[in-house]
């Protein structure tokens, strides 16, 4: 029996990863280590904002009633999944990135005043001249203890998909807490910063060529069929 492939991201993202994996011939098990929870946020006056900057579909799912005041504003979305969530919520998408928020911001034409709705843990941005960003934290990803089923899969050897640095750090901490051998686990990360956050001692650690789901799943397929690399 082949080693398990585990997706740690919270629902419904984990289910989306499972479905996307099935479409490319990968059997992935949803093993969420986080639960996304909404937070109360203070919206700025809508007249002071030209658009919304979204790095995750969670901003739409958990933004709450305060989002209604900005429904007429264009959305600048980090990737296709976030753009789709915004469109389904009644927003118009002005631009869609390729999975990396900094490069999206750098491509925008100033002057522009953006409201960035994000999670409690987020990457700092460096907007170019003429692009002003107001940040509001609309949700948090609360860590969960690793389930016994996930731990059992890991002891048999598994390939783990890492979508965020927070997930990498929490996963590593849970493995250490439960005394699970890192040397039996292979990691496929969405990017180099995420891979580095997991630390050392794993059987194999690799990261996708671009920060998007398709590239991560392509990497997982390679790792399932190629010899282990260090």
C-alpha atoms as a PDB file:
ATOM      1  CA  UNK A   1       0.000   0.000   0.000  1.00  0.00           C
ATOM      2  CA  UNK A   2       1.375   3.431  -0.960  1.00  0.00           C
ATOM      3  CA  UNK A   3       2.091   6.057   1.693  1.00  0.00           C
ATOM      4  CA  UNK A   4      -0.733   8.384   2.648  1.00  0.00           C
ATOM      5  CA  UNK A   5      -0.917  11.953   1.359  1.00  0.00           C
ATOM      6  CA  UNK A   6      -2.292  14.346   3.983  1.00  0.00           C
ATOM      7  CA  UNK A   7      -3.714  17.874   3.618  1.00  0.00           C
ATOM      8  CA  UNK A   8      -3.466  19.858   6.867  1.00  0.00           C
ATOM      9  CA  UNK A   9      -5.265  23.052   5.839  1.00  0.00           C
ATOM     10  CA  UNK A  10      -8.579  23.883   7.544  1.00  0.00           C
ATOM     11  CA  UNK A  11     -11.990  23.222   6.006  1.00  0.00           C
ATOM     12  CA  UNK A  12     -13.235  23.928   3.444  1.00  0.00           C
ATOM     13  CA  UNK A  13      -9.762  24.334   1.945  1.00  0.00           C
ATOM     14  CA  UNK A  14      -8.787  20.792   2.857  1.00  0.00           C
ATOM     15  CA  UNK A  15     -11.809  19.416   1.008  1.00  0.00           C
ATOM     16  CA  UNK A  16     -10.911  21.522  -2.037  1.00  0.00           C
ATOM     17  CA  UNK A  17      -7.392  20.081  -1.982  1.00  0.00           C
ATOM     18  CA  UNK A  18      -8.768  16.538  -1.745  1.00  0.00           C
ATOM     19  CA  UNK A  19     -11.040  17.173  -4.744  1.00  0.00           C
ATOM     20  CA  UNK A  20      -8.264  18.819  -6.781  1.00  0.00           C
ATOM     21  CA  UNK A  21      -5.970  15.909  -5.976  1.00  0.00           C
ATOM     22  CA  UNK A  22      -8.550  13.392  -7.125  1.00  0.00           C
ATOM     23  CA  UNK A  23      -8.744  15.218 -10.465  1.00  0.00           C
ATOM     24  CA  UNK A  24      -5.039  14.583 -11.057  1.00  0.00           C
ATOM     25  CA  UNK A  25      -5.016  11.025  -9.768  1.00  0.00           C
ATOM     26  CA  UNK A  26      -3.950  11.619  -6.155  1.00  0.00           C
ATOM     27  CA  UNK A  27      -5.779  10.160  -3.162  1.00  0.00           C
ATOM     28  CA  UNK A  28      -5.406  12.797  -0.444  1.00  0.00           C
ATOM     29  CA  UNK A  29      -6.790  12.566   3.077  1.00  0.00           C
ATOM     30  CA  UNK A  30      -8.100  15.706   4.772  1.00  0.00           C
ATOM     31  CA  UNK A  31      -6.365  15.980   8.163  1.00  0.00           C
ATOM     32  CA  UNK A  32      -7.035  19.577   9.295  1.00  0.00           C
ATOM     33  CA  UNK A  33      -4.758  20.947  12.005  1.00  0.00           C
ATOM     34  CA  UNK A  34      -6.544  24.304  12.113  1.00  0.00           C
ATOM     35  CA  UNK A  35     -10.023  25.760  12.431  1.00  0.00           C
ATOM     36  CA  UNK A  36     -10.743  29.147  10.864  1.00  0.00           C
ATOM     37  CA  UNK A  37     -12.684  31.472  13.170  1.00  0.00           C
ATOM     38  CA  UNK A  38     -14.050  34.956  12.397  1.00  0.00           C
ATOM     39  CA  UNK A  39     -12.840  37.995  14.312  1.00  0.00           C
ATOM     40  CA  UNK A  40     -14.561  41.336  14.826  1.00  0.00           C
ATOM     41  CA  UNK A  41     -12.968  44.063  12.723  1.00  0.00           C
ATOM     42  CA  UNK A  42     -13.557  47.797  12.409  1.00  0.00           C
ATOM     43  CA  UNK A  43     -14.222  48.795   8.795  1.00  0.00           C
ATOM     44  CA  UNK A  44     -12.781  52.073   7.527  1.00  0.00           C
ATOM     45  CA  UNK A  45     -15.167  54.530   5.842  1.00  0.00           C
ATOM     46  CA  UNK A  46     -15.989  53.008   2.426  1.00  0.00           C
ATOM     47  CA  UNK A  47     -15.324  56.353   0.743  1.00  0.00           C
ATOM     48  CA  UNK A  48     -11.674  56.116   1.790  1.00  0.00           C
ATOM     49  CA  UNK A  49     -11.177  52.809  -0.036  1.00  0.00           C
ATOM     50  CA  UNK A  50     -10.878  52.154  -3.776  1.00  0.00           C
ATOM     51  CA  UNK A  51     -10.903  48.359  -3.582  1.00  0.00           C
ATOM     52  CA  UNK A  52     -10.365  45.213  -1.537  1.00  0.00           C
ATOM     53  CA  UNK A  53      -7.102  43.283  -1.429  1.00  0.00           C
ATOM     54  CA  UNK A  54      -7.720  39.619  -0.579  1.00  0.00           C
ATOM     55  CA  UNK A  55      -5.067  36.990   0.067  1.00  0.00           C
ATOM     56  CA  UNK A  56      -7.494  34.192   0.914  1.00  0.00           C
ATOM     57  CA  UNK A  57     -11.077  33.145   0.305  1.00  0.00           C
ATOM     58  CA  UNK A  58     -11.379  33.089   4.112  1.00  0.00           C
ATOM     59  CA  UNK A  59     -11.631  36.874   4.020  1.00  0.00           C
ATOM     60  CA  UNK A  60     -14.913  36.474   2.141  1.00  0.00           C
ATOM     61  CA  UNK A  61     -16.147  33.485   4.138  1.00  0.00           C
ATOM     62  CA  UNK A  62     -15.464  35.082   7.527  1.00  0.00           C
ATOM     63  CA  UNK A  63     -15.579  38.813   6.799  1.00  0.00           C
ATOM     64  CA  UNK A  64     -19.077  39.083   8.261  1.00  0.00           C
ATOM     65  CA  UNK A  65     -21.726  41.755   7.777  1.00  0.00           C
ATOM     66  CA  UNK A  66     -19.161  44.574   7.572  1.00  0.00           C
ATOM     67  CA  UNK A  67     -18.275  43.366   4.060  1.00  0.00           C
ATOM     68  CA  UNK A  68     -21.626  44.559   2.707  1.00  0.00           C
ATOM     69  CA  UNK A  69     -20.529  48.198   2.740  1.00  0.00           C
ATOM     70  CA  UNK A  70     -17.730  47.387   0.287  1.00  0.00           C
ATOM     71  CA  UNK A  71     -19.657  45.247  -2.201  1.00  0.00           C
ATOM     72  CA  UNK A  72     -19.412  47.964  -4.847  1.00  0.00           C
ATOM     73  CA  UNK A  73     -15.625  48.032  -4.611  1.00  0.00           C
ATOM     74  CA  UNK A  74     -13.451  46.011  -6.998  1.00  0.00           C
ATOM     75  CA  UNK A  75     -11.520  43.053  -5.590  1.00  0.00           C
ATOM     76  CA  UNK A  76      -7.852  42.314  -6.161  1.00  0.00           C
ATOM     77  CA  UNK A  77      -7.493  38.597  -5.407  1.00  0.00           C
ATOM     78  CA  UNK A  78      -4.340  36.584  -4.768  1.00  0.00           C
ATOM     79  CA  UNK A  79      -5.497  33.653  -6.908  1.00  0.00           C
ATOM     80  CA  UNK A  80      -8.347  31.972  -8.746  1.00  0.00           C
ATOM     81  CA  UNK A  81      -9.975  30.341  -5.700  1.00  0.00           C
ATOM     82  CA  UNK A  82     -10.122  33.665  -3.852  1.00  0.00           C
ATOM     83  CA  UNK A  83     -11.455  35.425  -6.933  1.00  0.00           C
ATOM     84  CA  UNK A  84     -14.174  32.793  -7.342  1.00  0.00           C
ATOM     85  CA  UNK A  85     -15.256  33.188  -3.706  1.00  0.00           C
ATOM     86  CA  UNK A  86     -15.455  36.961  -4.168  1.00  0.00           C
ATOM     87  CA  UNK A  87     -17.512  36.657  -7.343  1.00  0.00           C
ATOM     88  CA  UNK A  88     -19.896  34.202  -5.706  1.00  0.00           C
ATOM     89  CA  UNK A  89     -20.385  36.730  -2.887  1.00  0.00           C
ATOM     90  CA  UNK A  90     -21.389  39.435  -5.368  1.00  0.00           C
ATOM     91  CA  UNK A  91     -18.081  41.265  -5.814  1.00  0.00           C
ATOM     92  CA  UNK A  92     -16.451  42.264  -9.090  1.00  0.00           C
ATOM     93  CA  UNK A  93     -12.875  41.056  -9.481  1.00  0.00           C
ATOM     94  CA  UNK A  94     -10.535  43.604 -11.049  1.00  0.00           C
ATOM     95  CA  UNK A  95      -7.355  41.538 -10.990  1.00  0.00           C
ATOM     96  CA  UNK A  96      -6.310  38.006 -10.084  1.00  0.00           C
ATOM     97  CA  UNK A  97      -2.770  37.089  -9.105  1.00  0.00           C
ATOM     98  CA  UNK A  98      -0.906  33.818  -9.391  1.00  0.00           C
ATOM     99  CA  UNK A  99      -0.800  32.885  -5.725  1.00  0.00           C
ATOM    100  CA  UNK A 100       1.600  35.540  -4.410  1.00  0.00           C
ATOM    101  CA  UNK A 101       0.169  38.762  -2.970  1.00  0.00           C
ATOM    102  CA  UNK A 102       3.319  40.911  -3.162  1.00  0.00           C
ATOM    103  CA  UNK A 103       3.671  40.434  -6.913  1.00  0.00           C
ATOM    104  CA  UNK A 104      -0.020  41.255  -7.388  1.00  0.00           C
ATOM    105  CA  UNK A 105       0.341  44.506  -5.439  1.00  0.00           C
ATOM    106  CA  UNK A 106       3.466  45.408  -7.406  1.00  0.00           C
ATOM    107  CA  UNK A 107       1.529  45.026 -10.671  1.00  0.00           C
ATOM    108  CA  UNK A 108      -1.251  47.479  -9.752  1.00  0.00           C
ATOM    109  CA  UNK A 109      -1.453  50.952 -11.241  1.00  0.00           C
ATOM    110  CA  UNK A 110      -1.391  53.845  -8.733  1.00  0.00           C
ATOM    111  CA  UNK A 111      -2.939  55.816  -7.216  1.00  0.00           C
ATOM    112  CA  UNK A 112      -4.962  53.204  -5.331  1.00  0.00           C
ATOM    113  CA  UNK A 113      -6.226  52.878  -1.747  1.00  0.00           C
ATOM    114  CA  UNK A 114      -6.866  49.274  -0.759  1.00  0.00           C
ATOM    115  CA  UNK A 115      -8.485  47.600   2.224  1.00  0.00           C
ATOM    116  CA  UNK A 116      -6.616  44.396   2.939  1.00  0.00           C
ATOM    117  CA  UNK A 117      -8.728  41.821   4.773  1.00  0.00           C
ATOM    118  CA  UNK A 118      -6.485  39.109   6.135  1.00  0.00           C
ATOM    119  CA  UNK A 119      -5.881  36.562   8.858  1.00  0.00           C
ATOM    120  CA  UNK A 120      -4.169  37.057  12.200  1.00  0.00           C
ATOM    121  CA  UNK A 121      -1.000  35.564  10.717  1.00  0.00           C
ATOM    122  CA  UNK A 122      -0.104  37.198   7.434  1.00  0.00           C
ATOM    123  CA  UNK A 123       2.874  38.213   5.349  1.00  0.00           C
ATOM    124  CA  UNK A 124       3.922  41.876   5.407  1.00  0.00           C
ATOM    125  CA  UNK A 125       3.614  43.667   2.067  1.00  0.00           C
ATOM    126  CA  UNK A 126       5.748  46.398   0.521  1.00  0.00           C
ATOM    127  CA  UNK A 127       3.414  48.389  -1.738  1.00  0.00           C
ATOM    128  CA  UNK A 128       4.937  50.564  -4.454  1.00  0.00           C
ATOM    129  CA  UNK A 129       4.631  54.338  -4.384  1.00  0.00           C
ATOM    130  CA  UNK A 130       1.053  55.477  -4.813  1.00  0.00           C
ATOM    131  CA  UNK A 131      -0.502  52.250  -3.465  1.00  0.00           C
ATOM    132  CA  UNK A 132      -1.852  52.692   0.082  1.00  0.00           C
ATOM    133  CA  UNK A 133      -2.980  49.650   2.061  1.00  0.00           C
ATOM    134  CA  UNK A 134      -5.153  49.665   5.174  1.00  0.00           C
ATOM    135  CA  UNK A 135      -5.088  46.265   6.915  1.00  0.00           C
ATOM    136  CA  UNK A 136      -7.887  44.719   8.950  1.00  0.00           C
ATOM    137  CA  UNK A 137      -7.686  41.266  10.549  1.00  0.00           C
ATOM    138  CA  UNK A 138     -10.958  39.467   9.856  1.00  0.00           C
ATOM    139  CA  UNK A 139     -10.221  35.880  10.943  1.00  0.00           C
ATOM    140  CA  UNK A 140      -7.740  33.596  12.631  1.00  0.00           C
ATOM    141  CA  UNK A 141      -6.631  30.024  12.061  1.00  0.00           C
ATOM    142  CA  UNK A 142      -6.788  28.390  15.478  1.00  0.00           C
ATOM    143  CA  UNK A 143      -4.446  25.376  15.856  1.00  0.00           C
ATOM    144  CA  UNK A 144      -5.941  21.988  16.724  1.00  0.00           C
ATOM    145  CA  UNK A 145      -4.265  18.942  18.290  1.00  0.00           C
ATOM    146  CA  UNK A 146      -3.275  16.212  15.869  1.00  0.00           C
ATOM    147  CA  UNK A 147      -5.798  13.380  15.711  1.00  0.00           C
ATOM    148  CA  UNK A 148      -4.889   9.807  16.537  1.00  0.00           C
ATOM    149  CA  UNK A 149      -5.720   8.769  12.969  1.00  0.00           C
ATOM    150  CA  UNK A 150      -3.318  11.336  11.513  1.00  0.00           C
ATOM    151  CA  UNK A 151      -0.582  10.291  13.940  1.00  0.00           C
ATOM    152  CA  UNK A 152      -1.065   6.642  12.973  1.00  0.00           C
ATOM    153  CA  UNK A 153      -0.742   7.482   9.267  1.00  0.00           C
ATOM    154  CA  UNK A 154       2.465   9.380   9.947  1.00  0.00           C
ATOM    155  CA  UNK A 155       4.066   6.461  11.776  1.00  0.00           C
ATOM    156  CA  UNK A 156       3.601   4.377   8.625  1.00  0.00           C
ATOM    157  CA  UNK A 157       5.246   7.050   6.473  1.00  0.00           C
ATOM    158  CA  UNK A 158       3.325   9.829   4.751  1.00  0.00           C
ATOM    159  CA  UNK A 159       3.602  12.763   2.374  1.00  0.00           C
ATOM    160  CA  UNK A 160       2.266  15.946   4.000  1.00  0.00           C
ATOM    161  CA  UNK A 161       1.103  19.002   2.031  1.00  0.00           C
ATOM    162  CA  UNK A 162       1.956  22.326   3.693  1.00  0.00           C
ATOM    163  CA  UNK A 163       0.030  25.420   2.584  1.00  0.00           C
ATOM    164  CA  UNK A 164       1.329  27.939   5.143  1.00  0.00           C
ATOM    165  CA  UNK A 165       4.242  28.644   7.453  1.00  0.00           C
ATOM    166  CA  UNK A 166       1.879  28.463  10.432  1.00  0.00           C
ATOM    167  CA  UNK A 167       0.843  24.967   9.373  1.00  0.00           C
ATOM    168  CA  UNK A 168       4.473  23.934   8.976  1.00  0.00           C
ATOM    169  CA  UNK A 169       5.412  25.137  12.456  1.00  0.00           C
ATOM    170  CA  UNK A 170       2.349  23.660  14.160  1.00  0.00           C
ATOM    171  CA  UNK A 171       2.715  20.331  12.353  1.00  0.00           C
ATOM    172  CA  UNK A 172       6.358  20.083  13.429  1.00  0.00           C
ATOM    173  CA  UNK A 173       5.445  20.926  17.018  1.00  0.00           C
ATOM    174  CA  UNK A 174       2.675  18.314  17.103  1.00  0.00           C
ATOM    175  CA  UNK A 175       4.994  15.634  15.716  1.00  0.00           C
ATOM    176  CA  UNK A 176       7.505  16.445  18.434  1.00  0.00           C
ATOM    177  CA  UNK A 177       4.832  16.543  21.147  1.00  0.00           C
ATOM    178  CA  UNK A 178       3.605  13.093  20.173  1.00  0.00           C
ATOM    179  CA  UNK A 179       7.084  11.667  19.713  1.00  0.00           C
ATOM    180  CA  UNK A 180       6.607  10.982  15.993  1.00  0.00           C
ATOM    181  CA  UNK A 181       9.780  10.365  13.995  1.00  0.00           C
ATOM    182  CA  UNK A 182      10.373  13.172  11.496  1.00  0.00           C
ATOM    183  CA  UNK A 183      12.540  10.837   9.436  1.00  0.00           C
ATOM    184  CA  UNK A 184       9.490   8.880   8.257  1.00  0.00           C
ATOM    185  CA  UNK A 185       7.660  11.954   6.909  1.00  0.00           C
ATOM    186  CA  UNK A 186       8.033  13.721   3.573  1.00  0.00           C
ATOM    187  CA  UNK A 187       6.926  17.335   3.132  1.00  0.00           C
ATOM    188  CA  UNK A 188       5.659  19.131   0.033  1.00  0.00           C
ATOM    189  CA  UNK A 189       5.386  22.871   0.678  1.00  0.00           C
ATOM    190  CA  UNK A 190       3.727  25.670  -1.277  1.00  0.00           C
ATOM    191  CA  UNK A 191       6.941  27.733  -1.208  1.00  0.00           C
ATOM    192  CA  UNK A 192      10.468  27.954   0.231  1.00  0.00           C
ATOM    193  CA  UNK A 193       9.473  30.102   3.222  1.00  0.00           C
ATOM    194  CA  UNK A 194       6.913  27.462   4.216  1.00  0.00           C
ATOM    195  CA  UNK A 195       9.402  24.634   3.769  1.00  0.00           C
ATOM    196  CA  UNK A 196      11.931  26.430   5.973  1.00  0.00           C
ATOM    197  CA  UNK A 197       9.322  26.948   8.710  1.00  0.00           C
ATOM    198  CA  UNK A 198       9.009  23.173   9.157  1.00  0.00           C
ATOM    199  CA  UNK A 199      12.582  22.875  10.373  1.00  0.00           C
ATOM    200  CA  UNK A 200      14.960  19.973   9.859  1.00  0.00           C
ATOM    201  CA  UNK A 201      15.039  16.211  10.267  1.00  0.00           C
ATOM    202  CA  UNK A 202      12.341  15.176   7.778  1.00  0.00           C
ATOM    203  CA  UNK A 203      12.821  12.343   5.320  1.00  0.00           C
ATOM    204  CA  UNK A 204      12.426  14.800   2.439  1.00  0.00           C
ATOM    205  CA  UNK A 205      11.388  18.444   2.030  1.00  0.00           C
ATOM    206  CA  UNK A 206      10.589  20.035  -1.318  1.00  0.00           C
ATOM    207  CA  UNK A 207       8.624  23.096  -2.421  1.00  0.00           C
ATOM    208  CA  UNK A 208       6.494  23.903  -5.443  1.00  0.00           C
ATOM    209  CA  UNK A 209       7.857  25.875  -8.394  1.00  0.00           C
ATOM    210  CA  UNK A 210       5.073  28.450  -7.950  1.00  0.00           C
ATOM    211  CA  UNK A 211       2.803  29.242  -4.970  1.00  0.00           C
ATOM    212  CA  UNK A 212      -0.423  27.692  -6.259  1.00  0.00           C
ATOM    213  CA  UNK A 213      -2.382  24.505  -5.689  1.00  0.00           C
ATOM    214  CA  UNK A 214      -1.742  23.079  -9.157  1.00  0.00           C
ATOM    215  CA  UNK A 215       2.024  23.361  -8.710  1.00  0.00           C
ATOM    216  CA  UNK A 216       1.853  21.826  -5.224  1.00  0.00           C
ATOM    217  CA  UNK A 217      -0.143  18.860  -6.493  1.00  0.00           C
ATOM    218  CA  UNK A 218       2.249  18.430  -9.416  1.00  0.00           C
ATOM    219  CA  UNK A 219       5.086  18.305  -6.888  1.00  0.00           C
ATOM    220  CA  UNK A 220       3.192  15.718  -4.821  1.00  0.00           C
ATOM    221  CA  UNK A 221       2.794  13.529  -7.899  1.00  0.00           C
ATOM    222  CA  UNK A 222       6.520  13.769  -8.600  1.00  0.00           C
ATOM    223  CA  UNK A 223       7.395  12.884  -5.029  1.00  0.00           C
ATOM    224  CA  UNK A 224       5.113   9.850  -5.174  1.00  0.00           C
ATOM    225  CA  UNK A 225       6.902   8.492  -8.229  1.00  0.00           C
ATOM    226  CA  UNK A 226      10.508   9.660  -7.873  1.00  0.00           C
ATOM    227  CA  UNK A 227      13.265   8.508  -5.508  1.00  0.00           C
ATOM    228  CA  UNK A 228      13.520  10.399  -2.245  1.00  0.00           C
ATOM    229  CA  UNK A 229      15.674  13.552  -2.363  1.00  0.00           C
ATOM    230  CA  UNK A 230      17.331  15.301   0.549  1.00  0.00           C
END
